[in-house]
């Protein structure tokens, strides 16, 4: 099992589910990104910390960090260890002052909210990242989404990139087809 470290890029509204949000994690030393759906409370908790806002009263995750500090419990890492039926499972590794280590099961959104507060790393199994992650294009759009579009549906910039790729691979038949589509789109605009 190869583990990959992730970093949190941010929070956004989920376009598919009303009242839901998504956090976007990115492979720390690689190109893959991982979207994870979360609820409004968790999204707010993470966003408050990312924006450096101090609420007048502690949020639930702030309270948990205070308890950790009071009882000398040290969050060491978060690990996303499973992805089944569209649901991620995580645990947070806690070390007590006496050196005992406990992996506590947690919702991924709660584990990440705690990791953001204490600065501990977030890991995922490479296989899970490969199955659930995506490779973005330069605009952040999943390449797999763009690859599912027909050539006529692709933006000119993507067509030009594909044209160059076809030329580099000496696939001149495909290159001619792409060049024709680019010319048509250019004339239309």
N, C-alpha and C. Protein backbone atom coordinates (compact mmCIF):
# COMPACT_ATOMS: atom_id res chain seq x y z
N UNK A 1 0.85 -1.19 0.00
CA UNK A 1 0.00 0.00 0.00
C UNK A 1 0.89 1.24 0.00
N UNK A 2 0.78 2.03 -1.05
CA UNK A 2 1.53 3.28 -1.14
C UNK A 2 0.64 4.43 -0.69
N UNK A 3 1.14 5.21 0.26
CA UNK A 3 0.39 6.37 0.75
C UNK A 3 0.86 7.63 0.05
N UNK A 4 -0.10 8.53 -0.18
CA UNK A 4 0.17 9.80 -0.85
C UNK A 4 -0.32 10.90 0.09
N UNK A 5 0.49 11.95 0.24
CA UNK A 5 0.06 13.08 1.06
C UNK A 5 -0.77 14.03 0.22
N UNK A 6 -1.83 14.55 0.84
CA UNK A 6 -2.72 15.50 0.18
C UNK A 6 -2.64 16.85 0.85
N UNK A 7 -2.99 17.89 0.11
CA UNK A 7 -3.14 19.22 0.70
C UNK A 7 -4.51 19.75 0.32
N UNK A 8 -5.09 20.54 1.19
CA UNK A 8 -6.42 21.10 0.97
C UNK A 8 -6.31 22.35 0.11
N UNK A 9 -7.03 22.35 -1.03
CA UNK A 9 -7.03 23.52 -1.91
C UNK A 9 -8.11 24.51 -1.53
N UNK A 10 -9.26 24.00 -1.10
CA UNK A 10 -10.35 24.90 -0.74
C UNK A 10 -11.69 24.22 -0.68
N UNK A 11 -12.71 25.04 -0.47
CA UNK A 11 -14.10 24.59 -0.34
C UNK A 11 -14.92 25.29 -1.41
N UNK A 12 -15.88 24.58 -1.98
CA UNK A 12 -16.77 25.17 -2.97
C UNK A 12 -18.17 24.60 -2.79
N UNK A 13 -19.15 25.28 -3.30
CA UNK A 13 -20.51 24.74 -3.30
C UNK A 13 -20.58 23.58 -4.26
N UNK A 14 -21.31 22.55 -3.88
CA UNK A 14 -21.48 21.40 -4.76
C UNK A 14 -22.58 21.73 -5.75
N UNK A 15 -22.27 21.68 -7.03
CA UNK A 15 -23.23 22.04 -8.07
C UNK A 15 -24.32 20.98 -8.25
N UNK A 16 -24.07 19.77 -7.77
CA UNK A 16 -25.02 18.68 -7.98
C UNK A 16 -26.00 18.49 -6.85
N UNK A 17 -25.65 18.89 -5.62
CA UNK A 17 -26.51 18.68 -4.47
C UNK A 17 -26.79 20.02 -3.78
N UNK A 18 -28.06 20.34 -3.61
CA UNK A 18 -28.43 21.57 -2.92
C UNK A 18 -28.05 21.46 -1.44
N UNK A 19 -27.43 22.51 -0.91
CA UNK A 19 -27.06 22.53 0.50
C UNK A 19 -25.80 21.74 0.81
N UNK A 20 -25.16 21.20 -0.21
CA UNK A 20 -23.93 20.45 0.01
C UNK A 20 -22.75 21.23 -0.55
N UNK A 21 -21.60 20.93 -0.04
CA UNK A 21 -20.37 21.58 -0.46
C UNK A 21 -19.36 20.50 -0.82
N UNK A 22 -18.27 20.91 -1.39
CA UNK A 22 -17.20 19.97 -1.70
C UNK A 22 -15.88 20.60 -1.29
N UNK A 23 -15.02 19.78 -0.71
CA UNK A 23 -13.66 20.25 -0.48
C UNK A 23 -12.80 19.61 -1.56
N UNK A 24 -11.80 20.34 -1.98
CA UNK A 24 -10.92 19.85 -3.01
C UNK A 24 -9.54 19.66 -2.42
N UNK A 25 -9.08 18.42 -2.45
CA UNK A 25 -7.75 18.07 -1.99
C UNK A 25 -6.88 17.80 -3.21
N UNK A 26 -5.59 18.02 -3.08
CA UNK A 26 -4.68 17.80 -4.19
C UNK A 26 -3.48 17.00 -3.71
N UNK A 27 -3.04 16.11 -4.55
CA UNK A 27 -1.82 15.34 -4.29
C UNK A 27 -0.69 16.34 -4.05
N UNK A 28 0.02 16.20 -2.93
CA UNK A 28 1.04 17.19 -2.57
C UNK A 28 2.17 17.26 -3.60
N UNK A 29 2.62 16.13 -4.09
CA UNK A 29 3.72 16.14 -5.06
C UNK A 29 3.29 15.48 -6.36
N UNK A 30 2.11 15.83 -6.82
CA UNK A 30 1.60 15.25 -8.04
C UNK A 30 0.39 16.01 -8.55
N UNK A 31 -0.16 15.57 -9.66
CA UNK A 31 -1.21 16.34 -10.33
C UNK A 31 -2.65 15.99 -9.94
N UNK A 32 -2.88 14.84 -9.27
CA UNK A 32 -4.25 14.41 -9.05
C UNK A 32 -4.97 15.24 -7.99
N UNK A 33 -6.26 15.43 -8.22
CA UNK A 33 -7.12 16.14 -7.26
C UNK A 33 -8.24 15.22 -6.81
N UNK A 34 -8.74 15.48 -5.62
CA UNK A 34 -9.77 14.63 -5.02
C UNK A 34 -10.89 15.50 -4.45
N UNK A 35 -12.08 15.46 -5.06
CA UNK A 35 -13.22 16.20 -4.49
C UNK A 35 -13.95 15.31 -3.49
N UNK A 36 -14.34 15.89 -2.36
CA UNK A 36 -15.09 15.16 -1.34
C UNK A 36 -16.27 16.01 -0.92
N UNK A 37 -17.46 15.44 -1.02
CA UNK A 37 -18.69 16.14 -0.64
C UNK A 37 -18.77 16.20 0.89
N UNK A 38 -19.20 17.34 1.41
CA UNK A 38 -19.37 17.51 2.85
C UNK A 38 -20.55 18.42 3.11
N UNK A 39 -21.00 18.39 4.34
CA UNK A 39 -22.15 19.20 4.73
C UNK A 39 -21.79 20.64 5.01
N UNK A 40 -22.82 21.45 5.21
CA UNK A 40 -22.63 22.88 5.41
C UNK A 40 -21.82 23.18 6.68
N UNK A 41 -22.08 22.47 7.78
CA UNK A 41 -21.39 22.76 9.03
C UNK A 41 -19.89 22.48 8.91
N UNK A 42 -19.54 21.37 8.29
CA UNK A 42 -18.13 21.03 8.12
C UNK A 42 -17.45 21.99 7.15
N UNK A 43 -18.16 22.35 6.08
CA UNK A 43 -17.62 23.31 5.12
C UNK A 43 -17.36 24.65 5.80
N UNK A 44 -18.30 25.09 6.62
CA UNK A 44 -18.14 26.35 7.34
C UNK A 44 -16.95 26.27 8.30
N UNK A 45 -16.83 25.17 9.00
CA UNK A 45 -15.75 25.00 9.95
C UNK A 45 -14.39 25.07 9.27
N UNK A 46 -14.26 24.39 8.14
CA UNK A 46 -13.00 24.40 7.40
C UNK A 46 -12.74 25.79 6.81
N UNK A 47 -13.76 26.40 6.24
CA UNK A 47 -13.61 27.72 5.61
C UNK A 47 -13.21 28.78 6.64
N UNK A 48 -13.79 28.72 7.82
CA UNK A 48 -13.46 29.68 8.89
C UNK A 48 -11.96 29.61 9.19
N UNK A 49 -11.45 28.40 9.29
CA UNK A 49 -10.02 28.24 9.59
C UNK A 49 -9.16 28.68 8.41
N UNK A 50 -9.54 28.30 7.19
CA UNK A 50 -8.76 28.69 6.01
C UNK A 50 -8.70 30.21 5.84
N UNK A 51 -9.79 30.88 6.19
CA UNK A 51 -9.87 32.33 6.03
C UNK A 51 -9.26 33.08 7.22
N UNK A 52 -8.86 32.35 8.26
CA UNK A 52 -8.26 32.98 9.43
C UNK A 52 -9.26 33.74 10.29
N UNK A 53 -10.52 33.34 10.23
CA UNK A 53 -11.57 34.00 11.01
C UNK A 53 -11.64 33.36 12.40
N UNK A 54 -11.75 34.19 13.42
CA UNK A 54 -11.91 33.68 14.79
C UNK A 54 -13.36 33.93 15.21
N UNK A 55 -14.16 32.86 15.31
CA UNK A 55 -15.55 33.05 15.70
C UNK A 55 -15.64 33.47 17.18
N UNK A 56 -16.73 34.14 17.55
CA UNK A 56 -16.86 34.61 18.95
C UNK A 56 -16.92 33.44 19.95
N UNK A 57 -17.43 32.33 19.54
CA UNK A 57 -17.49 31.12 20.39
C UNK A 57 -16.84 29.98 19.61
N UNK A 58 -16.20 29.05 20.28
CA UNK A 58 -15.52 27.97 19.55
C UNK A 58 -16.50 27.08 18.78
N UNK A 59 -16.09 26.73 17.57
CA UNK A 59 -16.85 25.75 16.80
C UNK A 59 -16.49 24.36 17.32
N UNK A 60 -17.24 23.36 16.94
CA UNK A 60 -17.04 22.00 17.43
C UNK A 60 -15.60 21.52 17.25
N UNK A 61 -15.03 21.77 16.09
CA UNK A 61 -13.66 21.31 15.84
C UNK A 61 -12.65 22.09 16.68
N UNK A 62 -12.93 23.35 16.96
CA UNK A 62 -12.07 24.13 17.86
C UNK A 62 -12.13 23.55 19.27
N UNK A 63 -13.32 23.18 19.69
CA UNK A 63 -13.50 22.56 21.01
C UNK A 63 -12.69 21.26 21.10
N UNK A 64 -12.76 20.45 20.06
CA UNK A 64 -12.01 19.19 20.06
C UNK A 64 -10.50 19.45 20.18
N UNK A 65 -10.00 20.44 19.47
CA UNK A 65 -8.57 20.77 19.56
C UNK A 65 -8.22 21.24 20.96
N UNK A 66 -9.11 22.01 21.59
CA UNK A 66 -8.87 22.45 22.97
C UNK A 66 -8.81 21.25 23.91
N UNK A 67 -9.68 20.28 23.72
CA UNK A 67 -9.66 19.06 24.53
C UNK A 67 -8.35 18.31 24.30
N UNK A 68 -7.92 18.20 23.05
CA UNK A 68 -6.64 17.54 22.75
C UNK A 68 -5.51 18.21 23.54
N UNK A 69 -5.47 19.53 23.49
CA UNK A 69 -4.40 20.25 24.19
C UNK A 69 -4.48 20.05 25.70
N UNK A 70 -5.67 20.15 26.24
CA UNK A 70 -5.86 20.04 27.70
C UNK A 70 -5.42 18.68 28.22
N UNK A 71 -5.66 17.64 27.46
CA UNK A 71 -5.35 16.29 27.91
C UNK A 71 -4.11 15.71 27.23
N UNK A 72 -3.28 16.57 26.65
CA UNK A 72 -2.01 16.18 26.03
C UNK A 72 -2.18 15.06 25.02
N UNK A 73 -3.12 15.27 24.12
CA UNK A 73 -3.35 14.34 23.01
C UNK A 73 -2.87 15.05 21.75
N UNK A 74 -2.04 14.36 20.96
CA UNK A 74 -1.44 14.98 19.80
C UNK A 74 -1.93 14.32 18.51
N UNK A 75 -2.71 15.04 17.71
CA UNK A 75 -3.12 14.51 16.41
C UNK A 75 -1.89 14.43 15.50
N UNK A 76 -1.59 13.23 15.01
CA UNK A 76 -0.39 13.01 14.22
C UNK A 76 -0.66 13.05 12.71
N UNK A 77 -1.79 12.47 12.30
CA UNK A 77 -2.10 12.41 10.87
C UNK A 77 -3.54 11.99 10.67
N UNK A 78 -4.02 12.29 9.47
CA UNK A 78 -5.33 11.82 9.01
C UNK A 78 -5.05 10.87 7.86
N UNK A 79 -5.79 9.77 7.81
CA UNK A 79 -5.63 8.85 6.69
C UNK A 79 -7.00 8.48 6.14
N UNK A 80 -7.16 8.73 4.84
CA UNK A 80 -8.37 8.29 4.12
C UNK A 80 -8.05 6.87 3.68
N UNK A 81 -8.71 5.90 4.30
CA UNK A 81 -8.31 4.51 4.09
C UNK A 81 -9.29 3.68 3.27
N UNK A 82 -10.46 4.25 2.94
CA UNK A 82 -11.44 3.46 2.20
C UNK A 82 -12.31 4.37 1.36
N UNK A 83 -12.78 3.81 0.24
CA UNK A 83 -13.74 4.50 -0.62
C UNK A 83 -14.66 3.43 -1.18
N UNK A 84 -15.86 3.35 -0.61
CA UNK A 84 -16.84 2.35 -1.01
C UNK A 84 -18.19 3.02 -1.26
N UNK A 85 -18.81 2.69 -2.37
CA UNK A 85 -20.13 3.23 -2.71
C UNK A 85 -20.18 4.75 -2.63
N UNK A 86 -19.11 5.40 -3.05
CA UNK A 86 -19.07 6.86 -3.07
C UNK A 86 -18.80 7.51 -1.73
N UNK A 87 -18.48 6.72 -0.70
CA UNK A 87 -18.26 7.27 0.65
C UNK A 87 -16.82 6.99 1.07
N UNK A 88 -16.14 8.04 1.52
CA UNK A 88 -14.78 7.91 2.03
C UNK A 88 -14.84 7.58 3.52
N UNK A 89 -13.88 6.79 3.98
CA UNK A 89 -13.74 6.50 5.40
C UNK A 89 -12.34 6.92 5.82
N UNK A 90 -12.24 7.51 6.99
CA UNK A 90 -10.96 8.04 7.46
C UNK A 90 -10.76 7.73 8.93
N UNK A 91 -9.53 7.85 9.34
CA UNK A 91 -9.25 7.85 10.77
C UNK A 91 -8.19 8.91 11.05
N UNK A 92 -8.20 9.35 12.27
CA UNK A 92 -7.19 10.31 12.71
C UNK A 92 -6.35 9.60 13.77
N UNK A 93 -5.05 9.67 13.58
CA UNK A 93 -4.12 9.02 14.52
C UNK A 93 -3.80 10.01 15.63
N UNK A 94 -4.07 9.59 16.85
CA UNK A 94 -3.83 10.40 18.04
C UNK A 94 -2.78 9.73 18.91
N UNK A 95 -1.84 10.51 19.43
CA UNK A 95 -0.82 10.00 20.34
C UNK A 95 -1.00 10.70 21.67
N UNK A 96 -1.08 9.88 22.74
CA UNK A 96 -1.21 10.42 24.08
C UNK A 96 0.15 10.82 24.64
N UNK A 97 0.13 11.56 25.74
CA UNK A 97 1.38 11.99 26.38
C UNK A 97 2.23 10.80 26.80
N UNK A 98 1.60 9.66 27.07
CA UNK A 98 2.33 8.46 27.48
C UNK A 98 2.85 7.65 26.29
N UNK A 99 2.60 8.14 25.06
CA UNK A 99 3.09 7.47 23.87
C UNK A 99 2.13 6.48 23.24
N UNK A 100 1.00 6.28 23.84
CA UNK A 100 0.03 5.36 23.24
C UNK A 100 -0.55 5.97 21.97
N UNK A 101 -0.76 5.13 20.98
CA UNK A 101 -1.26 5.58 19.68
C UNK A 101 -2.62 4.95 19.45
N UNK A 102 -3.57 5.79 19.03
CA UNK A 102 -4.91 5.31 18.73
C UNK A 102 -5.35 5.87 17.38
N UNK A 103 -5.88 4.99 16.53
CA UNK A 103 -6.49 5.43 15.29
C UNK A 103 -7.99 5.50 15.53
N UNK A 104 -8.53 6.71 15.48
CA UNK A 104 -9.95 6.94 15.76
C UNK A 104 -10.70 7.11 14.44
N UNK A 105 -11.75 6.32 14.25
CA UNK A 105 -12.56 6.43 13.05
C UNK A 105 -13.24 7.79 13.03
N UNK A 106 -13.29 8.41 11.86
CA UNK A 106 -13.89 9.75 11.74
C UNK A 106 -14.45 9.94 10.34
N UNK A 107 -15.46 10.79 10.24
CA UNK A 107 -15.88 11.21 8.91
C UNK A 107 -14.73 11.99 8.30
N UNK A 108 -14.53 11.84 7.03
CA UNK A 108 -13.40 12.50 6.38
C UNK A 108 -13.47 14.00 6.55
N UNK A 109 -14.67 14.56 6.46
CA UNK A 109 -14.81 16.01 6.61
C UNK A 109 -14.39 16.47 8.01
N UNK A 110 -14.73 15.72 9.04
CA UNK A 110 -14.32 16.07 10.41
C UNK A 110 -12.81 15.89 10.58
N UNK A 111 -12.27 14.82 10.02
CA UNK A 111 -10.83 14.57 10.13
C UNK A 111 -10.04 15.70 9.46
N UNK A 112 -10.49 16.13 8.28
CA UNK A 112 -9.80 17.22 7.59
C UNK A 112 -9.96 18.53 8.36
N UNK A 113 -11.14 18.79 8.92
CA UNK A 113 -11.34 20.01 9.71
C UNK A 113 -10.38 20.05 10.90
N UNK A 114 -10.13 18.90 11.50
CA UNK A 114 -9.16 18.84 12.61
C UNK A 114 -7.73 19.00 12.09
N UNK A 115 -7.42 18.35 10.98
CA UNK A 115 -6.07 18.43 10.42
C UNK A 115 -5.71 19.88 10.06
N UNK A 116 -6.68 20.61 9.53
CA UNK A 116 -6.44 22.01 9.17
C UNK A 116 -6.10 22.83 10.40
N UNK A 117 -6.73 22.51 11.51
CA UNK A 117 -6.52 23.26 12.74
C UNK A 117 -5.19 22.95 13.42
N UNK A 118 -4.77 21.69 13.36
CA UNK A 118 -3.55 21.30 14.08
C UNK A 118 -2.34 21.17 13.16
N UNK A 119 -2.54 21.26 11.86
CA UNK A 119 -1.44 21.20 10.92
C UNK A 119 -0.87 19.82 10.68
N UNK A 120 -1.65 18.78 10.95
CA UNK A 120 -1.13 17.43 10.70
C UNK A 120 -1.38 17.03 9.25
N UNK A 121 -0.56 16.13 8.71
CA UNK A 121 -0.71 15.74 7.31
C UNK A 121 -1.94 14.88 7.07
N UNK A 122 -2.39 14.89 5.81
CA UNK A 122 -3.53 14.10 5.35
C UNK A 122 -3.00 13.13 4.30
N UNK A 123 -3.25 11.84 4.50
CA UNK A 123 -2.77 10.82 3.57
C UNK A 123 -3.94 10.05 2.97
N UNK A 124 -3.66 9.44 1.82
CA UNK A 124 -4.63 8.56 1.17
C UNK A 124 -3.85 7.45 0.48
N UNK A 125 -4.46 6.29 0.37
CA UNK A 125 -3.86 5.19 -0.37
C UNK A 125 -3.85 5.55 -1.85
N UNK A 126 -2.74 5.30 -2.54
CA UNK A 126 -2.60 5.64 -3.96
C UNK A 126 -3.73 5.04 -4.79
N UNK A 127 -4.14 3.80 -4.48
CA UNK A 127 -5.21 3.15 -5.23
C UNK A 127 -6.53 3.92 -5.10
N UNK A 128 -6.85 4.39 -3.90
CA UNK A 128 -8.09 5.16 -3.71
C UNK A 128 -8.02 6.47 -4.48
N UNK A 129 -6.87 7.14 -4.41
CA UNK A 129 -6.71 8.41 -5.14
C UNK A 129 -6.84 8.18 -6.64
N UNK A 130 -6.29 7.08 -7.13
CA UNK A 130 -6.39 6.77 -8.56
C UNK A 130 -7.83 6.51 -8.98
N UNK A 131 -8.61 5.86 -8.12
CA UNK A 131 -10.01 5.55 -8.46
C UNK A 131 -10.93 6.75 -8.30
N UNK A 132 -10.71 7.56 -7.27
CA UNK A 132 -11.66 8.64 -6.96
C UNK A 132 -11.18 10.02 -7.39
N UNK A 133 -9.91 10.16 -7.70
CA UNK A 133 -9.37 11.46 -8.06
C UNK A 133 -9.52 11.75 -9.54
N UNK A 134 -9.09 12.93 -9.92
CA UNK A 134 -9.11 13.31 -11.33
C UNK A 134 -7.89 14.14 -11.64
N UNK A 135 -7.55 14.16 -12.90
CA UNK A 135 -6.45 14.96 -13.41
C UNK A 135 -7.06 16.20 -14.05
N UNK A 136 -6.78 17.40 -13.53
CA UNK A 136 -7.41 18.61 -14.10
C UNK A 136 -6.63 19.13 -15.30
N UNK A 137 -7.35 19.86 -16.15
CA UNK A 137 -6.65 20.59 -17.20
C UNK A 137 -6.20 21.92 -16.62
N UNK A 138 -5.69 22.81 -17.44
CA UNK A 138 -5.16 24.08 -16.93
C UNK A 138 -6.23 24.98 -16.31
N UNK A 139 -7.50 24.72 -16.60
CA UNK A 139 -8.59 25.50 -16.00
C UNK A 139 -9.20 24.81 -14.80
N UNK A 140 -8.64 23.66 -14.38
CA UNK A 140 -9.16 22.92 -13.24
C UNK A 140 -10.27 21.96 -13.59
N UNK A 141 -10.63 21.88 -14.87
CA UNK A 141 -11.71 20.98 -15.30
C UNK A 141 -11.14 19.57 -15.42
N UNK A 142 -11.84 18.56 -14.92
CA UNK A 142 -11.32 17.20 -15.03
C UNK A 142 -11.07 16.82 -16.50
N UNK A 143 -9.87 16.36 -16.78
CA UNK A 143 -9.54 15.94 -18.14
C UNK A 143 -10.42 14.78 -18.57
N UNK A 144 -10.76 13.90 -17.62
CA UNK A 144 -11.61 12.77 -17.98
C UNK A 144 -12.95 13.26 -18.51
N UNK A 145 -13.45 14.37 -17.96
CA UNK A 145 -14.70 14.94 -18.46
C UNK A 145 -14.51 15.45 -19.89
N UNK A 146 -13.42 16.17 -20.11
CA UNK A 146 -13.17 16.70 -21.45
C UNK A 146 -12.93 15.58 -22.45
N UNK A 147 -12.28 14.51 -22.00
CA UNK A 147 -12.00 13.39 -22.89
C UNK A 147 -13.26 12.67 -23.32
N UNK A 148 -14.35 12.82 -22.54
CA UNK A 148 -15.59 12.15 -22.90
C UNK A 148 -16.40 12.97 -23.92
N UNK A 149 -15.97 14.19 -24.19
CA UNK A 149 -16.66 15.03 -25.16
C UNK A 149 -16.21 14.67 -26.57
N UNK A 150 -17.10 14.88 -27.53
CA UNK A 150 -16.70 14.68 -28.93
C UNK A 150 -15.80 15.85 -29.34
N UNK A 151 -15.08 15.68 -30.42
CA UNK A 151 -14.18 16.74 -30.88
C UNK A 151 -14.94 18.04 -31.15
N UNK A 152 -16.17 17.95 -31.68
CA UNK A 152 -16.96 19.14 -31.95
C UNK A 152 -17.30 19.92 -30.69
N UNK A 153 -17.35 19.25 -29.54
CA UNK A 153 -17.74 19.90 -28.29
C UNK A 153 -16.57 20.53 -27.54
N UNK A 154 -15.36 20.19 -27.91
CA UNK A 154 -14.18 20.70 -27.20
C UNK A 154 -13.92 22.17 -27.53
N UNK A 155 -13.42 22.94 -26.55
CA UNK A 155 -13.03 24.32 -26.84
C UNK A 155 -11.80 24.33 -27.76
N UNK A 156 -11.61 25.44 -28.47
CA UNK A 156 -10.52 25.56 -29.44
C UNK A 156 -9.16 25.28 -28.79
N UNK A 157 -8.95 25.77 -27.56
CA UNK A 157 -7.66 25.57 -26.89
C UNK A 157 -7.36 24.08 -26.73
N UNK A 158 -8.37 23.29 -26.36
CA UNK A 158 -8.17 21.85 -26.19
C UNK A 158 -7.95 21.18 -27.55
N UNK A 159 -8.66 21.66 -28.57
CA UNK A 159 -8.47 21.11 -29.91
C UNK A 159 -7.04 21.37 -30.39
N UNK A 160 -6.55 22.58 -30.15
CA UNK A 160 -5.19 22.90 -30.57
C UNK A 160 -4.16 22.03 -29.86
N UNK A 161 -4.39 21.75 -28.59
CA UNK A 161 -3.48 20.86 -27.85
C UNK A 161 -3.53 19.45 -28.42
N UNK A 162 -4.74 18.99 -28.75
CA UNK A 162 -4.87 17.65 -29.35
C UNK A 162 -4.26 17.61 -30.75
N UNK A 163 -4.40 18.69 -31.48
CA UNK A 163 -3.80 18.77 -32.81
C UNK A 163 -2.29 18.60 -32.70
N UNK A 164 -1.67 19.32 -31.79
CA UNK A 164 -0.22 19.23 -31.61
C UNK A 164 0.18 17.81 -31.18
N UNK A 165 -0.62 17.22 -30.30
CA UNK A 165 -0.34 15.85 -29.86
C UNK A 165 -0.40 14.88 -31.05
N UNK A 166 -1.40 15.03 -31.91
CA UNK A 166 -1.52 14.17 -33.09
C UNK A 166 -0.33 14.35 -34.03
N UNK A 167 0.10 15.59 -34.21
CA UNK A 167 1.26 15.86 -35.07
C UNK A 167 2.51 15.21 -34.48
N UNK A 168 2.69 15.38 -33.15
CA UNK A 168 3.85 14.79 -32.49
C UNK A 168 3.87 13.27 -32.62
N UNK A 169 2.67 12.66 -32.59
CA UNK A 169 2.56 11.21 -32.69
C UNK A 169 2.47 10.73 -34.15
N UNK A 170 2.56 11.68 -35.09
CA UNK A 170 2.48 11.40 -36.52
C UNK A 170 1.15 10.75 -36.91
N UNK A 171 0.08 11.16 -36.22
CA UNK A 171 -1.27 10.70 -36.54
C UNK A 171 -1.91 11.80 -37.40
N UNK A 172 -1.50 11.84 -38.66
CA UNK A 172 -1.88 12.95 -39.53
C UNK A 172 -3.34 12.92 -39.95
N UNK A 173 -3.93 11.74 -39.99
CA UNK A 173 -5.35 11.64 -40.33
C UNK A 173 -6.21 12.35 -39.27
N UNK A 174 -5.95 12.02 -37.99
CA UNK A 174 -6.66 12.65 -36.88
C UNK A 174 -6.34 14.14 -36.84
N UNK A 175 -5.08 14.51 -37.10
CA UNK A 175 -4.68 15.92 -37.10
C UNK A 175 -5.47 16.71 -38.14
N UNK A 176 -5.66 16.14 -39.32
CA UNK A 176 -6.41 16.83 -40.37
C UNK A 176 -7.86 17.05 -39.95
N UNK A 177 -8.45 16.04 -39.31
CA UNK A 177 -9.83 16.16 -38.83
C UNK A 177 -9.95 17.27 -37.79
N UNK A 178 -9.01 17.31 -36.86
CA UNK A 178 -9.03 18.33 -35.80
C UNK A 178 -8.81 19.72 -36.40
N UNK A 179 -7.88 19.83 -37.35
CA UNK A 179 -7.61 21.12 -38.00
C UNK A 179 -8.87 21.66 -38.69
N UNK A 180 -9.63 20.77 -39.32
CA UNK A 180 -10.87 21.16 -40.00
C UNK A 180 -11.89 21.69 -38.97
N UNK A 181 -12.01 21.04 -37.83
CA UNK A 181 -12.95 21.48 -36.78
C UNK A 181 -12.53 22.84 -36.23
N UNK A 182 -11.22 23.02 -36.03
CA UNK A 182 -10.72 24.31 -35.53
C UNK A 182 -11.06 25.43 -36.52
N UNK A 183 -10.85 25.18 -37.79
CA UNK A 183 -11.16 26.19 -38.83
C UNK A 183 -12.64 26.54 -38.82
N UNK A 184 -13.51 25.53 -38.70
CA UNK A 184 -14.95 25.78 -38.63
C UNK A 184 -15.31 26.60 -37.43
N UNK A 185 -14.76 26.27 -36.28
CA UNK A 185 -15.07 27.02 -35.06
C UNK A 185 -14.54 28.46 -35.13
N UNK A 186 -13.38 28.64 -35.75
CA UNK A 186 -12.81 29.97 -35.90
C UNK A 186 -13.67 30.84 -36.80
N UNK A 187 -14.20 30.26 -37.88
CA UNK A 187 -15.07 31.00 -38.79
C UNK A 187 -16.39 31.38 -38.12
N UNK A 188 -16.88 30.55 -37.21
CA UNK A 188 -18.16 30.80 -36.53
C UNK A 188 -18.05 31.92 -35.50
N UNK A 189 -16.86 32.14 -35.00
CA UNK A 189 -16.74 33.18 -33.94
C UNK A 189 -16.29 34.49 -34.45
